[in-house]
Structures are given as C-alpha cells and as structure tokens.
Amino acid sequence: MGFVIFMFLVLFALIVSVGMLLFYREEMLQRISEAINPQPKQKSLLSAIQQTGISIGGVVEHFESVLPKSQADVSIFQQRLQRAGFRDESVVKVFYGAKVLIPIVLVVLVLATGLGGFSPFFYVLALGLGFVAPDIWLTRRISNRQSNIRRGLPDVLDLLVICVEAGLSLDQATARSATELSRAQPELSDELGIVVLEQRAGRPRGEAWKHMAERTDVDSVRNLTTMLIQAEQFGTSIGKTLRIHGDTLRTQRIQAVEEAAAKTTIKLLFPLVGCIFPSLFVVILGPAVISIIEQFKGLSH
C-alpha cells in the first residue's frame, strides 16, 4: 500500500511538471538561461516563492473551462472572493479550476489506496467533498476576515479620532490610518487604502465608504458608513461621531463576550450528559451492581 501511494505521488509530480513545461515553456527556458548565465541582479526568495505560486495557479486555471458556469454565478463568486481579500481577475479561474482538480486528485487517491474496492461510495464521497471543499474554504476565509475587521474597527476609529482632532481632514486621516495600521490591522488597512484610492480617482466620499461596506459585508462597517454620511449631510462633528461609534462598538464587543460566557453552561450540558455522567455511573454504581449480582448468585445456590 505504501508503495502505491509513493508511486501516485511521483506520478502526480510528473504530471504537474509536464503541465508547467507545456504552459510555461518560455519562462522555464528563461530561468534555465539565468541559471547558466547568472546576472548581477539576483531574485529574492520571496519573489521566487511568488513566481512559483503564480505558475501553479496558472496550471490550475486551465481546468476552469471544464466546469459549466453562468455569468451570474461568476459575479457571485467574484464578490465572495473580494470579501475574502482576493481581487485579482485570475482568482476566479483558479477557484473554478480547483473545483475540478481537487475532486480528480481525491478520486485518484481513493483509487490508489484501494478504498474504492470496499465500496463505490468512497468515489462519490471524494467527488462531492472535492467539489465542495473550495466553497467551504472560501466561506471560512470570509468569516475569519470579517471577524478580524469587526474586532479591529474600534482601534481604527480611535486612530481616526486622533488624526481628526489633530487637525487632519477625514480623507487625510483615512489615508494616514491605512498606512499606520498596515501590520496591526492588515484587512482594515487594505479596505481603507481602497477607499483612499477611490476618493483620489474622483469618487465622492459617501460612495467610497458605501463600497467598502459592500465589500466587507460587516454590519458595524455599514453603521459607520451611515453615520459618516449623516454627519457630512447635517454638518455635525466627525470626531465626536467617530468617538461615539467606537465606544458603541466596544460596548457591543463586551456584551458579545458576556453572552458567549452565559451560553457555556447550556453548551456544557450535552457533553456532561453524554460523556461524563455515564462514566460516573459506571464508576459509582459498578461495584454495587457487581455485589448485588453476587448476592443473587449466592441465594440461588
């Protein structure tokens, strides 16, 4: 069995290598020529890793034409990929290619390991799981990104308040916050950077923030956008509006933690009843039951 798995891995590596040679022959020849005749400027390790990822993604892209799809489905998946932080146009092709390639790989694994000989259900399971796996991964990626945005928004609002109260306009404060929070809050920094770029391109401030709310699909960002638009329309203080909204978000976060802590007692009930109580019954009542059975055996004799 181990030899079969090893041969499958070797065959899969050969297929990937042949595909890369077919679709990226010029790039391979260029790399070989650079290796034979090295230039003074050397590529860094990060650029090499990125180039390898692009090559693998390009190989996966060629499988996306196998899967039938409509323009509406492509638009929906493109919006979901944007919410996950992927904005490149080729990501949609890579996603659809993965939905075709992963089931094939799982079916070959089932065939190589011999599980298909026990039941044909393993082939159906491999196809279904491989087709759904990219959707599950994308959903989890969107959920994690939205959670990070939701948790980091109060800190961003604090920095915006400091910048606005220091004399900067809201547009300048947004640009400065996007730069300063690039490491602490990369998701929000990315979204704020897009807002800044849209405003520099001539888009009104309200529309730029609305697009951010649509991209993230987070309720707190939608509420912030509504408050900023109302503050701009009615002429109220931007700094006070941001401070109040930041305090509200912190209060909501504390209430969410308290709610999660209150739910733990109910959630612990099922493992207690299903796992711990039977063990306790066996330990406590087991000796008594054994002694009772022995007493009855003595009475019968």
Protein backbone atom coordinates (compact mmCIF):
# COMPACT_ATOMS: atom_id res chain seq x y z
CA MET A 1 0.00 0.00 0.00
CA GLY A 2 2.81 2.42 0.83
CA PHE A 3 4.47 1.70 -2.49
CA VAL A 4 1.22 2.50 -4.34
CA ILE A 5 0.92 5.86 -2.54
CA PHE A 6 4.54 6.66 -3.30
CA MET A 7 4.05 5.85 -6.98
CA PHE A 8 0.92 8.03 -7.08
CA LEU A 9 2.80 11.00 -5.59
CA VAL A 10 5.61 10.53 -8.10
CA LEU A 11 3.09 10.36 -10.97
CA PHE A 12 1.26 13.46 -9.73
CA ALA A 13 4.54 15.39 -9.51
CA LEU A 14 5.41 14.33 -13.05
CA ILE A 15 2.01 15.46 -14.36
CA VAL A 16 2.36 18.86 -12.68
CA SER A 17 5.90 19.23 -14.04
CA VAL A 18 4.81 18.35 -17.58
CA GLY A 19 1.92 20.81 -17.34
CA MET A 20 4.22 23.58 -16.20
CA LEU A 21 6.63 22.78 -19.03
CA LEU A 22 3.83 22.87 -21.60
CA PHE A 23 2.19 26.08 -20.45
CA TYR A 24 5.25 27.94 -19.19
CA ARG A 25 7.99 26.77 -21.50
CA GLU A 26 9.32 30.25 -22.19
CA GLU A 27 9.56 31.09 -18.51
CA MET A 28 11.33 27.79 -17.83
CA LEU A 29 13.84 28.46 -20.61
CA GLN A 30 14.41 31.92 -19.24
CA ARG A 31 15.07 30.53 -15.76
CA ILE A 32 17.45 27.92 -17.17
CA SER A 33 19.34 30.58 -19.11
CA GLU A 34 19.54 32.73 -15.98
CA ALA A 35 20.88 29.77 -14.05
CA ILE A 36 23.54 29.05 -16.73
CA ASN A 37 24.46 32.72 -17.19
CA PRO A 38 23.75 34.40 -13.86
CA GLN A 39 23.12 38.14 -13.91
CA PRO A 40 24.38 40.56 -11.27
CA LYS A 41 20.83 41.16 -10.03
CA GLN A 42 19.60 38.12 -8.09
CA LYS A 43 15.99 37.37 -7.27
CA SER A 44 15.00 37.23 -3.66
CA LEU A 45 13.43 34.19 -2.00
CA LEU A 46 10.08 35.94 -1.72
CA SER A 47 9.91 36.69 -5.43
CA ALA A 48 10.81 33.07 -6.22
CA ILE A 49 8.01 31.81 -3.98
CA GLN A 50 5.54 34.24 -5.55
CA GLN A 51 6.60 33.16 -9.04
CA THR A 52 6.12 29.51 -8.10
CA GLY A 53 2.65 30.26 -6.73
CA ILE A 54 1.74 32.10 -9.92
CA SER A 55 2.92 29.14 -12.02
CA ILE A 56 0.86 26.63 -10.03
CA GLY A 57 -2.14 28.95 -10.18
CA GLY A 58 -1.74 29.20 -13.93
CA VAL A 59 -1.78 25.42 -14.27
CA VAL A 60 -4.97 25.25 -12.19
CA GLU A 61 -6.58 27.96 -14.35
CA HIS A 62 -6.62 25.64 -17.37
CA PHE A 63 -9.11 23.33 -15.64
CA GLU A 64 -11.74 26.03 -15.10
CA SER A 65 -13.16 25.75 -18.64
CA VAL A 66 -14.31 22.17 -17.88
CA LEU A 67 -16.89 23.35 -15.34
CA PRO A 68 -20.08 24.91 -16.83
CA LYS A 69 -20.98 28.25 -15.28
CA SER A 70 -23.13 31.30 -15.95
CA GLN A 71 -22.22 34.95 -15.73
CA ALA A 72 -24.38 35.38 -12.63
CA ASP A 73 -22.52 32.60 -10.81
CA VAL A 74 -19.19 34.13 -11.81
CA SER A 75 -20.30 37.51 -10.44
CA ILE A 76 -21.40 35.95 -7.15
CA PHE A 77 -18.12 34.08 -6.71
CA GLN A 78 -16.14 37.16 -7.68
CA GLN A 79 -17.94 39.15 -4.98
CA ARG A 80 -17.27 36.42 -2.42
CA LEU A 81 -13.60 36.31 -3.40
CA GLN A 82 -13.39 40.09 -2.96
CA ARG A 83 -14.86 39.74 0.51
CA ALA A 84 -12.16 37.15 1.22
CA GLY A 85 -9.48 39.64 0.11
CA PHE A 86 -8.75 38.31 -3.41
CA ARG A 87 -9.23 40.98 -6.07
CA ASP A 88 -7.19 39.65 -8.97
CA GLU A 89 -9.27 38.72 -12.02
CA SER A 90 -7.47 35.40 -12.43
CA VAL A 91 -8.54 34.24 -8.96
CA VAL A 92 -11.99 33.28 -10.27
CA LYS A 93 -10.39 30.98 -12.85
CA VAL A 94 -8.14 29.45 -10.19
CA PHE A 95 -11.18 28.89 -7.95
CA TYR A 96 -13.17 27.11 -10.66
CA GLY A 97 -10.07 25.15 -11.66
CA ALA A 98 -9.66 23.99 -8.06
CA LYS A 99 -13.28 22.77 -8.05
CA VAL A 100 -12.35 20.50 -10.97
CA LEU A 101 -8.82 19.49 -9.95
CA ILE A 102 -9.44 18.64 -6.28
CA PRO A 103 -12.16 16.00 -6.98
CA ILE A 104 -9.87 14.37 -9.56
CA VAL A 105 -7.00 14.22 -7.07
CA LEU A 106 -9.25 12.77 -4.34
CA VAL A 107 -10.65 10.13 -6.70
CA VAL A 108 -7.11 9.12 -7.71
CA LEU A 109 -6.18 8.89 -4.02
CA VAL A 110 -9.19 6.65 -3.35
CA LEU A 111 -8.19 4.51 -6.30
CA ALA A 112 -4.54 4.36 -5.22
CA THR A 113 -5.27 3.50 -1.59
CA GLY A 114 -7.76 0.78 -2.53
CA LEU A 115 -10.71 2.30 -0.66
CA GLY A 116 -12.82 2.09 -3.81
CA GLY A 117 -12.64 -1.69 -3.63
CA PHE A 118 -14.60 -1.71 -0.36
CA SER A 119 -17.49 0.40 -1.62
CA PRO A 120 -18.24 2.73 -4.58
CA PHE A 121 -19.48 5.22 -2.01
CA PHE A 122 -15.90 6.39 -1.47
CA TYR A 123 -15.73 7.61 -5.08
CA VAL A 124 -18.96 9.58 -4.66
CA LEU A 125 -17.69 10.95 -1.35
CA ALA A 126 -14.39 12.02 -2.94
CA LEU A 127 -16.18 13.78 -5.80
CA GLY A 128 -18.63 15.57 -3.54
CA LEU A 129 -16.07 16.53 -0.93
CA GLY A 130 -13.59 17.74 -3.55
CA PHE A 131 -16.23 19.85 -5.28
CA VAL A 132 -17.46 21.43 -2.03
CA ALA A 133 -14.03 21.87 -0.40
CA PRO A 134 -13.18 25.20 -2.17
CA ASP A 135 -16.56 26.64 -1.15
CA ILE A 136 -16.03 25.60 2.48
CA TRP A 137 -12.54 27.10 2.48
CA LEU A 138 -13.80 30.33 0.93
CA THR A 139 -16.63 30.61 3.47
CA ARG A 140 -14.21 30.16 6.36
CA ARG A 141 -11.81 32.69 4.85
CA ILE A 142 -14.61 35.26 4.53
CA SER A 143 -15.79 34.59 8.08
CA ASN A 144 -12.28 34.97 9.53
CA ARG A 145 -11.68 38.18 7.60
CA GLN A 146 -14.98 39.65 8.72
CA SER A 147 -14.20 38.73 12.33
CA ASN A 148 -10.82 40.44 12.09
CA ILE A 149 -12.46 43.56 10.62
CA ARG A 150 -15.12 43.55 13.33
CA ARG A 151 -12.55 43.22 16.12
CA GLY A 152 -10.14 45.80 14.73
CA LEU A 153 -12.65 48.50 13.83
CA PRO A 154 -12.65 50.20 17.30
CA ASP A 155 -8.85 50.61 17.13
CA VAL A 156 -9.13 52.12 13.66
CA LEU A 157 -11.78 54.53 14.88
CA ASP A 158 -9.52 55.61 17.76
CA LEU A 159 -6.73 56.40 15.32
CA LEU A 160 -9.16 58.27 13.06
CA VAL A 161 -10.35 60.32 16.06
CA ILE A 162 -6.76 61.19 16.99
CA CYS A 163 -5.97 62.26 13.43
CA VAL A 164 -9.16 64.31 13.06
CA GLU A 165 -8.71 66.05 16.41
CA ALA A 166 -5.10 66.78 15.47
CA GLY A 167 -6.35 68.90 12.55
CA LEU A 168 -6.45 66.49 9.62
CA SER A 169 -9.47 66.10 7.40
CA LEU A 170 -11.33 62.79 7.28
CA ASP A 171 -9.74 61.88 3.92
CA GLN A 172 -6.25 62.60 5.22
CA ALA A 173 -7.00 60.75 8.46
CA THR A 174 -8.18 57.73 6.45
CA ALA A 175 -5.00 57.69 4.38
CA ARG A 176 -2.82 58.02 7.48
CA SER A 177 -4.72 55.28 9.33
CA ALA A 178 -4.38 52.94 6.35
CA THR A 179 -0.61 53.48 6.38
CA GLU A 180 -0.12 53.18 10.14
CA LEU A 181 -2.26 50.05 10.57
CA SER A 182 -0.79 48.03 7.71
CA ARG A 183 0.73 45.50 10.15
CA ALA A 184 -1.63 45.64 13.13
CA GLN A 185 -4.86 45.50 11.09
CA PRO A 186 -3.97 44.39 7.53
CA GLU A 187 -7.59 43.73 6.49
CA LEU A 188 -8.86 47.16 7.50
CA SER A 189 -5.72 48.81 6.18
CA ASP A 190 -6.37 47.20 2.80
CA GLU A 191 -10.00 48.35 2.74
CA LEU A 192 -9.14 51.88 3.83
CA GLY A 193 -6.45 52.02 1.16
CA ILE A 194 -9.07 51.21 -1.48
CA VAL A 195 -11.30 53.98 -0.08
CA VAL A 196 -8.41 56.43 -0.39
CA LEU A 197 -7.69 55.35 -3.97
CA GLU A 198 -11.35 55.72 -4.96
CA GLN A 199 -11.50 59.22 -3.48
CA ARG A 200 -8.33 60.22 -5.30
CA ALA A 201 -9.89 58.92 -8.52
CA GLY A 202 -12.77 61.37 -8.05
CA ARG A 203 -15.40 59.25 -6.36
CA PRO A 204 -17.43 61.02 -3.63
CA ARG A 205 -16.61 60.16 -0.05
CA GLY A 206 -20.01 58.65 0.72
CA GLU A 207 -19.90 56.32 -2.28
CA ALA A 208 -16.35 55.20 -1.45
CA TRP A 209 -17.38 54.26 2.11
CA LYS A 210 -20.53 52.55 0.80
CA HIS A 211 -18.38 50.42 -1.50
CA MET A 212 -16.24 49.46 1.50
CA ALA A 213 -19.37 48.37 3.39
CA GLU A 214 -20.48 46.27 0.39
CA ARG A 215 -17.03 44.67 0.01
CA THR A 216 -16.73 43.71 3.67
CA ASP A 217 -20.41 42.91 4.37
CA VAL A 218 -19.95 43.75 8.06
CA ASP A 219 -22.79 45.39 9.99
CA SER A 220 -20.51 47.64 12.04
CA VAL A 221 -18.90 48.99 8.85
CA ARG A 222 -22.35 49.65 7.38
CA ASN A 223 -23.36 51.54 10.53
CA LEU A 224 -20.13 53.54 10.39
CA THR A 225 -20.78 54.45 6.75
CA THR A 226 -24.30 55.60 7.55
CA MET A 227 -23.07 57.73 10.47
CA LEU A 228 -20.35 59.35 8.37
CA ILE A 229 -22.80 60.18 5.58
CA GLN A 230 -25.30 61.67 8.05
CA ALA A 231 -22.55 63.64 9.80
CA GLU A 232 -21.47 65.07 6.45
CA GLN A 233 -25.03 65.95 5.45
CA PHE A 234 -26.04 67.58 8.74
CA GLY A 235 -22.67 69.18 9.48
CA THR A 236 -22.05 67.52 12.84
CA SER A 237 -18.61 66.87 14.30
CA ILE A 238 -16.81 63.96 12.62
CA GLY A 239 -14.52 63.39 15.61
CA LYS A 240 -17.40 63.16 18.08
CA THR A 241 -19.30 60.83 15.73
CA LEU A 242 -16.31 58.50 15.40
CA ARG A 243 -15.69 58.51 19.16
CA ILE A 244 -19.32 57.65 19.97
CA HIS A 245 -19.36 54.87 17.38
CA GLY A 246 -16.10 53.45 18.73
CA ASP A 247 -17.48 53.38 22.28
CA THR A 248 -20.63 51.69 21.00
CA LEU A 249 -18.60 49.01 19.24
CA ARG A 250 -16.59 48.32 22.39
CA THR A 251 -19.79 48.00 24.40
CA GLN A 252 -21.18 45.57 21.83
CA ARG A 253 -17.98 43.55 21.96
CA ILE A 254 -18.16 43.28 25.75
CA GLN A 255 -21.81 42.25 25.55
CA ALA A 256 -20.97 39.61 22.94
CA VAL A 257 -18.29 38.16 25.23
CA GLU A 258 -20.70 38.13 28.17
CA GLU A 259 -23.34 36.43 26.02
CA ALA A 260 -20.85 33.77 24.90
CA ALA A 261 -19.85 33.18 28.54
CA ALA A 262 -23.51 32.80 29.57
CA LYS A 263 -24.08 30.21 26.82
CA THR A 264 -21.28 27.96 28.06
CA THR A 265 -23.45 26.47 30.83
CA ILE A 266 -26.02 25.28 28.30
CA LYS A 267 -23.37 24.04 25.86
CA LEU A 268 -21.64 22.04 28.63
CA LEU A 269 -24.87 20.20 29.41
CA PHE A 270 -24.69 17.88 26.39
CA PRO A 271 -21.09 16.64 26.92
CA LEU A 272 -21.86 16.19 30.63
CA VAL A 273 -24.94 14.07 29.95
CA GLY A 274 -23.44 12.16 27.01
CA CYS A 275 -19.86 11.57 28.17
CA ILE A 276 -19.18 12.33 31.82
CA PHE A 277 -22.34 11.11 33.57
CA PRO A 278 -22.21 7.57 32.05
CA SER A 279 -18.61 7.22 33.20
CA LEU A 280 -19.55 8.36 36.70
CA PHE A 281 -22.45 5.91 36.80
CA VAL A 282 -20.14 3.06 35.82
CA VAL A 283 -17.54 4.02 38.44
CA ILE A 284 -20.03 4.66 41.26
CA LEU A 285 -22.72 2.06 40.61
CA GLY A 286 -20.49 -0.59 39.03
CA PRO A 287 -19.22 -2.15 42.31
CA ALA A 288 -22.72 -2.06 43.81
CA VAL A 289 -24.19 -3.83 40.79
CA ILE A 290 -21.46 -6.49 40.92
CA SER A 291 -22.04 -7.12 44.62
CA ILE A 292 -25.82 -7.37 44.08
CA ILE A 293 -25.31 -9.91 41.28
CA GLU A 294 -23.01 -11.98 43.51
CA GLN A 295 -25.60 -11.90 46.33
CA PHE A 296 -28.29 -13.17 43.99
CA LYS A 297 -25.97 -15.93 42.80
CA GLY A 298 -25.39 -16.95 46.43
CA LEU A 299 -29.12 -17.04 47.12
CA SER A 300 -29.78 -19.19 44.05
CA HIS A 301 -27.26 -21.80 45.24
